[in-house]
PDB file of all heavy atoms in Angstrom:
ATOM      1  N   ASP A   1      -5.096 -16.867   2.917  1.00  0.00           N
ATOM      2  CA  ASP A   1      -5.609 -16.417   4.210  1.00  0.00           C
ATOM      3  C   ASP A   1      -6.064 -14.970   4.039  1.00  0.00           C
ATOM      4  O   ASP A   1      -5.282 -14.029   4.191  1.00  0.00           O
ATOM      5  CB  ASP A   1      -4.519 -16.521   5.279  1.00  0.00           C
ATOM      6  CG  ASP A   1      -5.055 -16.222   6.684  1.00  0.00           C
ATOM      7  OD1 ASP A   1      -6.090 -15.543   6.798  1.00  0.00           O
ATOM      8  OD2 ASP A   1      -4.415 -16.655   7.660  1.00  0.00           O
ATOM      9  N   LYS A   2      -7.333 -14.795   3.715  1.00  0.00           N
ATOM     10  CA  LYS A   2      -7.846 -13.468   3.397  1.00  0.00           C
ATOM     11  C   LYS A   2      -7.878 -12.554   4.616  1.00  0.00           C
ATOM     12  O   LYS A   2      -7.713 -11.342   4.494  1.00  0.00           O
ATOM     13  CB  LYS A   2      -9.233 -13.600   2.778  1.00  0.00           C
ATOM     14  CG  LYS A   2      -9.225 -14.317   1.436  1.00  0.00           C
ATOM     15  CD  LYS A   2     -10.626 -14.532   0.897  1.00  0.00           C
ATOM     16  CE  LYS A   2     -10.592 -15.282  -0.421  1.00  0.00           C
ATOM     17  NZ  LYS A   2     -11.950 -15.578  -0.943  1.00  0.00           N
ATOM     18  N   VAL A   3      -8.081 -13.117   5.783  1.00  0.00           N
ATOM     19  CA  VAL A   3      -8.088 -12.311   6.999  1.00  0.00           C
ATOM     20  C   VAL A   3      -6.697 -11.736   7.260  1.00  0.00           C
ATOM     21  O   VAL A   3      -6.533 -10.546   7.539  1.00  0.00           O
ATOM     22  CB  VAL A   3      -8.575 -13.143   8.205  1.00  0.00           C
ATOM     23  CG1 VAL A   3      -8.413 -12.341   9.496  1.00  0.00           C
ATOM     24  CG2 VAL A   3     -10.027 -13.551   8.015  1.00  0.00           C
ATOM     25  N   ALA A   4      -5.669 -12.582   7.143  1.00  0.00           N
ATOM     26  CA  ALA A   4      -4.296 -12.121   7.351  1.00  0.00           C
ATOM     27  C   ALA A   4      -3.901 -11.086   6.308  1.00  0.00           C
ATOM     28  O   ALA A   4      -3.234 -10.092   6.622  1.00  0.00           O
ATOM     29  CB  ALA A   4      -3.329 -13.306   7.316  1.00  0.00           C
ATOM     30  N   ALA A   5      -4.303 -11.317   5.049  1.00  0.00           N
ATOM     31  CA  ALA A   5      -3.989 -10.361   3.983  1.00  0.00           C
ATOM     32  C   ALA A   5      -4.631  -9.011   4.274  1.00  0.00           C
ATOM     33  O   ALA A   5      -3.984  -7.961   4.149  1.00  0.00           O
ATOM     34  CB  ALA A   5      -4.474 -10.909   2.649  1.00  0.00           C
ATOM     35  N   ARG A   6      -5.883  -9.023   4.656  1.00  0.00           N
ATOM     36  CA  ARG A   6      -6.593  -7.770   4.927  1.00  0.00           C
ATOM     37  C   ARG A   6      -5.927  -7.018   6.076  1.00  0.00           C
ATOM     38  O   ARG A   6      -5.762  -5.791   6.026  1.00  0.00           O
ATOM     39  CB  ARG A   6      -8.056  -8.062   5.245  1.00  0.00           C
ATOM     40  CG  ARG A   6      -8.919  -6.821   5.433  1.00  0.00           C
ATOM     41  CD  ARG A   6     -10.391  -7.205   5.592  1.00  0.00           C
ATOM     42  NE  ARG A   6     -11.226  -6.019   5.638  1.00  0.00           N
ATOM     43  CZ  ARG A   6     -11.505  -5.346   6.759  1.00  0.00           C
ATOM     44  NH1 ARG A   6     -10.996  -5.743   7.910  1.00  0.00           N
ATOM     45  NH2 ARG A   6     -12.281  -4.291   6.713  1.00  0.00           N
ATOM     46  N   GLN A   7      -5.527  -7.734   7.117  1.00  0.00           N
ATOM     47  CA  GLN A   7      -4.876  -7.082   8.254  1.00  0.00           C
ATOM     48  C   GLN A   7      -3.565  -6.416   7.828  1.00  0.00           C
ATOM     49  O   GLN A   7      -3.262  -5.299   8.246  1.00  0.00           O
ATOM     50  CB  GLN A   7      -4.616  -8.110   9.357  1.00  0.00           C
ATOM     51  CG  GLN A   7      -5.880  -8.578  10.063  1.00  0.00           C
ATOM     52  CD  GLN A   7      -5.619  -9.681  11.070  1.00  0.00           C
ATOM     53  OE1 GLN A   7      -4.576 -10.349  11.036  1.00  0.00           O
ATOM     54  NE2 GLN A   7      -6.555  -9.896  11.979  1.00  0.00           N
ATOM     55  N   SER A   8      -2.789  -7.105   6.979  1.00  0.00           N
ATOM     56  CA  SER A   8      -1.526  -6.536   6.509  1.00  0.00           C
ATOM     57  C   SER A   8      -1.764  -5.281   5.687  1.00  0.00           C
ATOM     58  O   SER A   8      -1.085  -4.257   5.869  1.00  0.00           O
ATOM     59  CB  SER A   8      -0.763  -7.568   5.679  1.00  0.00           C
ATOM     60  OG  SER A   8      -0.415  -8.705   6.430  1.00  0.00           O
ATOM     61  N   LEU A   9      -2.732  -5.345   4.769  1.00  0.00           N
ATOM     62  CA  LEU A   9      -2.992  -4.215   3.881  1.00  0.00           C
ATOM     63  C   LEU A   9      -3.567  -3.018   4.647  1.00  0.00           C
ATOM     64  O   LEU A   9      -3.228  -1.865   4.354  1.00  0.00           O
ATOM     65  CB  LEU A   9      -3.932  -4.644   2.757  1.00  0.00           C
ATOM     66  CG  LEU A   9      -3.407  -5.770   1.853  1.00  0.00           C
ATOM     67  CD1 LEU A   9      -4.440  -6.134   0.800  1.00  0.00           C
ATOM     68  CD2 LEU A   9      -2.085  -5.390   1.207  1.00  0.00           C
ATOM     69  N   LEU A  10      -4.412  -3.280   5.621  1.00  0.00           N
ATOM     70  CA  LEU A  10      -4.947  -2.185   6.426  1.00  0.00           C
ATOM     71  C   LEU A  10      -3.850  -1.514   7.252  1.00  0.00           C
ATOM     72  O   LEU A  10      -3.885  -0.289   7.458  1.00  0.00           O
ATOM     73  CB  LEU A  10      -6.052  -2.703   7.346  1.00  0.00           C
ATOM     74  CG  LEU A  10      -7.389  -3.017   6.674  1.00  0.00           C
ATOM     75  CD1 LEU A  10      -8.349  -3.641   7.674  1.00  0.00           C
ATOM     76  CD2 LEU A  10      -8.004  -1.772   6.039  1.00  0.00           C
ATOM     77  N   GLN A  11      -2.888  -2.299   7.701  1.00  0.00           N
ATOM     78  CA  GLN A  11      -1.767  -1.706   8.436  1.00  0.00           C
ATOM     79  C   GLN A  11      -0.995  -0.744   7.544  1.00  0.00           C
ATOM     80  O   GLN A  11      -0.581   0.336   7.978  1.00  0.00           O
ATOM     81  CB  GLN A  11      -0.849  -2.808   8.962  1.00  0.00           C
ATOM     82  CG  GLN A  11       0.214  -2.310   9.924  1.00  0.00           C
ATOM     83  CD  GLN A  11       0.971  -3.439  10.593  1.00  0.00           C
ATOM     84  OE1 GLN A  11       0.544  -4.594  10.567  1.00  0.00           O
ATOM     85  NE2 GLN A  11       2.111  -3.118  11.180  1.00  0.00           N
ATOM     86  N   ILE A  12      -0.804  -1.118   6.284  1.00  0.00           N
ATOM     87  CA  ILE A  12      -0.123  -0.237   5.337  1.00  0.00           C
ATOM     88  C   ILE A  12      -0.945   1.027   5.095  1.00  0.00           C
ATOM     89  O   ILE A  12      -0.412   2.146   5.081  1.00  0.00           O
ATOM     90  CB  ILE A  12       0.135  -0.975   4.008  1.00  0.00           C
ATOM     91  CG1 ILE A  12       1.096  -2.145   4.233  1.00  0.00           C
ATOM     92  CG2 ILE A  12       0.691  -0.013   2.950  1.00  0.00           C
ATOM     93  CD1 ILE A  12       1.212  -3.071   3.032  1.00  0.00           C
ATOM     94  N   LEU A  13      -2.241   0.876   4.932  1.00  0.00           N
ATOM     95  CA  LEU A  13      -3.102   2.031   4.671  1.00  0.00           C
ATOM     96  C   LEU A  13      -3.160   2.987   5.862  1.00  0.00           C
ATOM     97  O   LEU A  13      -3.522   4.152   5.697  1.00  0.00           O
ATOM     98  CB  LEU A  13      -4.509   1.556   4.295  1.00  0.00           C
ATOM     99  CG  LEU A  13      -4.662   1.053   2.855  1.00  0.00           C
ATOM    100  CD1 LEU A  13      -5.978   0.307   2.676  1.00  0.00           C
ATOM    101  CD2 LEU A  13      -4.574   2.217   1.877  1.00  0.00           C
ATOM    102  N   ASN A  14      -2.806   2.516   7.026  1.00  0.00           N
ATOM    103  CA  ASN A  14      -2.770   3.398   8.200  1.00  0.00           C
ATOM    104  C   ASN A  14      -1.543   4.301   8.216  1.00  0.00           C
ATOM    105  O   ASN A  14      -1.487   5.253   8.997  1.00  0.00           O
ATOM    106  CB  ASN A  14      -2.817   2.559   9.487  1.00  0.00           C
ATOM    107  CG  ASN A  14      -4.222   2.074   9.803  1.00  0.00           C
ATOM    108  OD1 ASN A  14      -5.207   2.706   9.428  1.00  0.00           O
ATOM    109  ND2 ASN A  14      -4.313   0.945  10.496  1.00  0.00           N
ATOM    110  N   TRP A  15      -0.548   3.991   7.389  1.00  0.00           N
ATOM    111  CA  TRP A  15       0.623   4.857   7.308  1.00  0.00           C
ATOM    112  C   TRP A  15       0.246   6.163   6.606  1.00  0.00           C
ATOM    113  O   TRP A  15      -0.602   6.196   5.708  1.00  0.00           O
ATOM    114  CB  TRP A  15       1.745   4.171   6.539  1.00  0.00           C
ATOM    115  CG  TRP A  15       2.351   2.992   7.236  1.00  0.00           C
ATOM    116  CD1 TRP A  15       2.378   2.747   8.568  1.00  0.00           C
ATOM    117  CD2 TRP A  15       3.030   1.893   6.612  1.00  0.00           C
ATOM    118  NE1 TRP A  15       3.039   1.560   8.824  1.00  0.00           N
ATOM    119  CE2 TRP A  15       3.453   1.024   7.640  1.00  0.00           C
ATOM    120  CE3 TRP A  15       3.329   1.562   5.283  1.00  0.00           C
ATOM    121  CZ2 TRP A  15       4.145  -0.159   7.392  1.00  0.00           C
ATOM    122  CZ3 TRP A  15       4.019   0.387   5.026  1.00  0.00           C
ATOM    123  CH2 TRP A  15       4.426  -0.462   6.070  1.00  0.00           C
ATOM    124  N   ASP A  16       0.936   7.209   6.948  1.00  0.00           N
ATOM    125  CA  ASP A  16       0.628   8.541   6.421  1.00  0.00           C
ATOM    126  C   ASP A  16       1.468   8.832   5.167  1.00  0.00           C
ATOM    127  O   ASP A  16       2.250   9.772   5.130  1.00  0.00           O
ATOM    128  CB  ASP A  16       0.895   9.590   7.510  1.00  0.00           C
ATOM    129  CG  ASP A  16       0.462  10.977   7.079  1.00  0.00           C
ATOM    130  OD1 ASP A  16      -0.452  11.086   6.233  1.00  0.00           O
ATOM    131  OD2 ASP A  16       1.051  11.961   7.585  1.00  0.00           O
ATOM    132  N   PHE A  17       1.272   8.021   4.115  1.00  0.00           N
ATOM    133  CA  PHE A  17       2.059   8.216   2.895  1.00  0.00           C
ATOM    134  C   PHE A  17       1.340   9.142   1.925  1.00  0.00           C
ATOM    135  O   PHE A  17       0.106   9.229   1.909  1.00  0.00           O
ATOM    136  CB  PHE A  17       2.377   6.872   2.226  1.00  0.00           C
ATOM    137  CG  PHE A  17       1.177   6.063   1.795  1.00  0.00           C
ATOM    138  CD1 PHE A  17       0.613   6.230   0.543  1.00  0.00           C
ATOM    139  CD2 PHE A  17       0.636   5.098   2.644  1.00  0.00           C
ATOM    140  CE1 PHE A  17      -0.481   5.476   0.142  1.00  0.00           C
ATOM    141  CE2 PHE A  17      -0.462   4.338   2.257  1.00  0.00           C
ATOM    142  CZ  PHE A  17      -1.017   4.523   1.001  1.00  0.00           C
ATOM    143  N   GLU A  18       2.143   9.847   1.124  1.00  0.00           N
ATOM    144  CA  GLU A  18       1.579  10.757   0.132  1.00  0.00           C
ATOM    145  C   GLU A  18       2.027  10.420  -1.290  1.00  0.00           C
ATOM    146  O   GLU A  18       1.570  11.050  -2.232  1.00  0.00           O
ATOM    147  CB  GLU A  18       1.933  12.202   0.453  1.00  0.00           C
ATOM    148  CG  GLU A  18       3.413  12.514   0.485  1.00  0.00           C
ATOM    149  CD  GLU A  18       3.706  13.961   0.859  1.00  0.00           C
ATOM    150  OE1 GLU A  18       2.818  14.609   1.461  1.00  0.00           O
ATOM    151  OE2 GLU A  18       4.806  14.437   0.547  1.00  0.00           O
ATOM    152  N   ARG A  19       2.923   9.458  -1.438  1.00  0.00           N
ATOM    153  CA  ARG A  19       3.359   8.984  -2.761  1.00  0.00           C
ATOM    154  C   ARG A  19       3.727   7.520  -2.650  1.00  0.00           C
ATOM    155  O   ARG A  19       3.981   7.016  -1.547  1.00  0.00           O
ATOM    156  CB  ARG A  19       4.547   9.799  -3.275  1.00  0.00           C
ATOM    157  CG  ARG A  19       5.831   9.603  -2.500  1.00  0.00           C
ATOM    158  CD  ARG A  19       6.963  10.447  -3.035  1.00  0.00           C
ATOM    159  NE  ARG A  19       6.659  11.874  -2.941  1.00  0.00           N
ATOM    160  CZ  ARG A  19       6.811  12.585  -1.822  1.00  0.00           C
ATOM    161  NH1 ARG A  19       7.258  12.002  -0.712  1.00  0.00           N
ATOM    162  NH2 ARG A  19       6.520  13.862  -1.793  1.00  0.00           N
ATOM    163  N   VAL A  20       3.759   6.819  -3.814  1.00  0.00           N
ATOM    164  CA  VAL A  20       4.092   5.395  -3.830  1.00  0.00           C
ATOM    165  C   VAL A  20       5.119   5.134  -4.922  1.00  0.00           C
ATOM    166  O   VAL A  20       4.912   5.499  -6.088  1.00  0.00           O
ATOM    167  CB  VAL A  20       2.853   4.509  -4.083  1.00  0.00           C
ATOM    168  CG1 VAL A  20       3.207   3.029  -3.865  1.00  0.00           C
ATOM    169  CG2 VAL A  20       1.682   4.916  -3.206  1.00  0.00           C
ATOM    170  N   ILE A  21       6.221   4.511  -4.531  1.00  0.00           N
ATOM    171  CA  ILE A  21       7.192   4.005  -5.498  1.00  0.00           C
ATOM    172  C   ILE A  21       6.941   2.512  -5.648  1.00  0.00           C
ATOM    173  O   ILE A  21       6.892   1.776  -4.659  1.00  0.00           O
ATOM    174  CB  ILE A  21       8.634   4.271  -5.032  1.00  0.00           C
ATOM    175  CG1 ILE A  21       8.927   5.779  -5.074  1.00  0.00           C
ATOM    176  CG2 ILE A  21       9.638   3.513  -5.893  1.00  0.00           C
ATOM    177  CD1 ILE A  21      10.296   6.156  -4.559  1.00  0.00           C
ATOM    178  N   ILE A  22       6.764   2.071  -6.878  1.00  0.00           N
ATOM    179  CA  ILE A  22       6.517   0.665  -7.167  1.00  0.00           C
ATOM    180  C   ILE A  22       7.590   0.168  -8.129  1.00  0.00           C
ATOM    181  O   ILE A  22       8.316   0.963  -8.739  1.00  0.00           O
ATOM    182  CB  ILE A  22       5.112   0.452  -7.773  1.00  0.00           C
ATOM    183  CG1 ILE A  22       4.926   1.336  -9.021  1.00  0.00           C
ATOM    184  CG2 ILE A  22       4.036   0.749  -6.744  1.00  0.00           C
ATOM    185  CD1 ILE A  22       3.584   1.161  -9.710  1.00  0.00           C
ATOM    186  N   SER A  23       7.682  -1.144  -8.273  1.00  0.00           N
ATOM    187  CA  SER A  23       8.725  -1.704  -9.131  1.00  0.00           C
ATOM    188  C   SER A  23       8.315  -1.771 -10.596  1.00  0.00           C
ATOM    189  O   SER A  23       9.183  -1.778 -11.474  1.00  0.00           O
ATOM    190  CB  SER A  23       9.112  -3.109  -8.643  1.00  0.00           C
ATOM    191  OG  SER A  23       9.910  -3.029  -7.490  1.00  0.00           O
ATOM    192  N   HIS A  24       7.019  -1.860 -10.870  1.00  0.00           N
ATOM    193  CA  HIS A  24       6.573  -2.072 -12.244  1.00  0.00           C
ATOM    194  C   HIS A  24       5.481  -1.072 -12.616  1.00  0.00           C
ATOM    195  O   HIS A  24       4.391  -1.096 -12.055  1.00  0.00           O
ATOM    196  CB  HIS A  24       6.050  -3.502 -12.426  1.00  0.00           C
ATOM    197  CG  HIS A  24       6.997  -4.552 -11.934  1.00  0.00           C
ATOM    198  ND1 HIS A  24       8.247  -4.741 -12.490  1.00  0.00           N
ATOM    199  CD2 HIS A  24       6.888  -5.452 -10.923  1.00  0.00           C
ATOM    200  CE1 HIS A  24       8.864  -5.726 -11.854  1.00  0.00           C
ATOM    201  NE2 HIS A  24       8.069  -6.158 -10.899  1.00  0.00           N
ATOM    202  N   GLY A  25       5.821  -0.184 -13.529  1.00  0.00           N
ATOM    203  CA  GLY A  25       4.844   0.780 -13.995  1.00  0.00           C
ATOM    204  C   GLY A  25       5.109   2.180 -13.495  1.00  0.00           C
ATOM    205  O   GLY A  25       6.188   2.497 -12.980  1.00  0.00           O
ATOM    206  N   ASP A  26       4.119   3.029 -13.654  1.00  0.00           N
ATOM    207  CA  ASP A  26       4.259   4.447 -13.371  1.00  0.00           C
ATOM    208  C   ASP A  26       4.093   4.723 -11.877  1.00  0.00           C
ATOM    209  O   ASP A  26       3.227   4.141 -11.208  1.00  0.00           O
ATOM    210  CB  ASP A  26       3.214   5.237 -14.167  1.00  0.00           C
ATOM    211  CG  ASP A  26       3.315   4.952 -15.663  1.00  0.00           C
ATOM    212  OD1 ASP A  26       4.449   4.912 -16.176  1.00  0.00           O
ATOM    213  OD2 ASP A  26       2.263   4.743 -16.300  1.00  0.00           O
ATOM    214  N   LEU A  27       4.917   5.623 -11.364  1.00  0.00           N
ATOM    215  CA  LEU A  27       4.848   5.978  -9.956  1.00  0.00           C
ATOM    216  C   LEU A  27       3.521   6.671  -9.637  1.00  0.00           C
ATOM    217  O   LEU A  27       2.884   7.268 -10.510  1.00  0.00           O
ATOM    218  CB  LEU A  27       6.012   6.895  -9.587  1.00  0.00           C
ATOM    219  CG  LEU A  27       7.415   6.354  -9.883  1.00  0.00           C
ATOM    220  CD1 LEU A  27       8.468   7.343  -9.394  1.00  0.00           C
ATOM    221  CD2 LEU A  27       7.629   5.000  -9.234  1.00  0.00           C
ATOM    222  N   ILE A  28       3.128   6.599  -8.383  1.00  0.00           N
ATOM    223  CA  ILE A  28       1.871   7.197  -7.936  1.00  0.00           C
ATOM    224  C   ILE A  28       2.217   8.402  -7.065  1.00  0.00           C
ATOM    225  O   ILE A  28       2.645   8.249  -5.921  1.00  0.00           O
ATOM    226  CB  ILE A  28       1.024   6.170  -7.159  1.00  0.00           C
ATOM    227  CG1 ILE A  28       0.720   4.970  -8.063  1.00  0.00           C
ATOM    228  CG2 ILE A  28      -0.262   6.809  -6.644  1.00  0.00           C
ATOM    229  CD1 ILE A  28       0.108   3.790  -7.329  1.00  0.00           C
ATOM    230  N   ASN A  29       2.041   9.581  -7.613  1.00  0.00           N
ATOM    231  CA  ASN A  29       2.450  10.808  -6.931  1.00  0.00           C
ATOM    232  C   ASN A  29       1.285  11.683  -6.486  1.00  0.00           C
ATOM    233  O   ASN A  29       1.498  12.690  -5.804  1.00  0.00           O
ATOM    234  CB  ASN A  29       3.370  11.623  -7.844  1.00  0.00           C
ATOM    235  CG  ASN A  29       4.706  10.948  -8.057  1.00  0.00           C
ATOM    236  OD1 ASN A  29       5.325  10.475  -7.112  1.00  0.00           O
ATOM    237  ND2 ASN A  29       5.152  10.889  -9.309  1.00  0.00           N
ATOM    238  N   HIS A  30       0.074  11.323  -6.879  1.00  0.00           N
ATOM    239  CA  HIS A  30      -1.095  12.124  -6.521  1.00  0.00           C
ATOM    240  C   HIS A  30      -2.223  11.189  -6.082  1.00  0.00           C
ATOM    241  O   HIS A  30      -2.385  10.097  -6.636  1.00  0.00           O
ATOM    242  CB  HIS A  30      -1.559  12.978  -7.709  1.00  0.00           C
ATOM    243  CG  HIS A  30      -0.476  13.855  -8.273  1.00  0.00           C
ATOM    244  ND1 HIS A  30      -0.042  14.998  -7.638  1.00  0.00           N
ATOM    245  CD2 HIS A  30       0.266  13.744  -9.401  1.00  0.00           C
ATOM    246  CE1 HIS A  30       0.912  15.555  -8.348  1.00  0.00           C
ATOM    247  NE2 HIS A  30       1.128  14.815  -9.426  1.00  0.00           N
TER     248      HIS A  30
END
């Protein structure tokens, strides 16, 4: 369901985050 996926991801992008902690790989700090 690409429409539902896009809505979920856009909601996340609306958050005011400045770093990302992920489970696999290098953290995103910039």
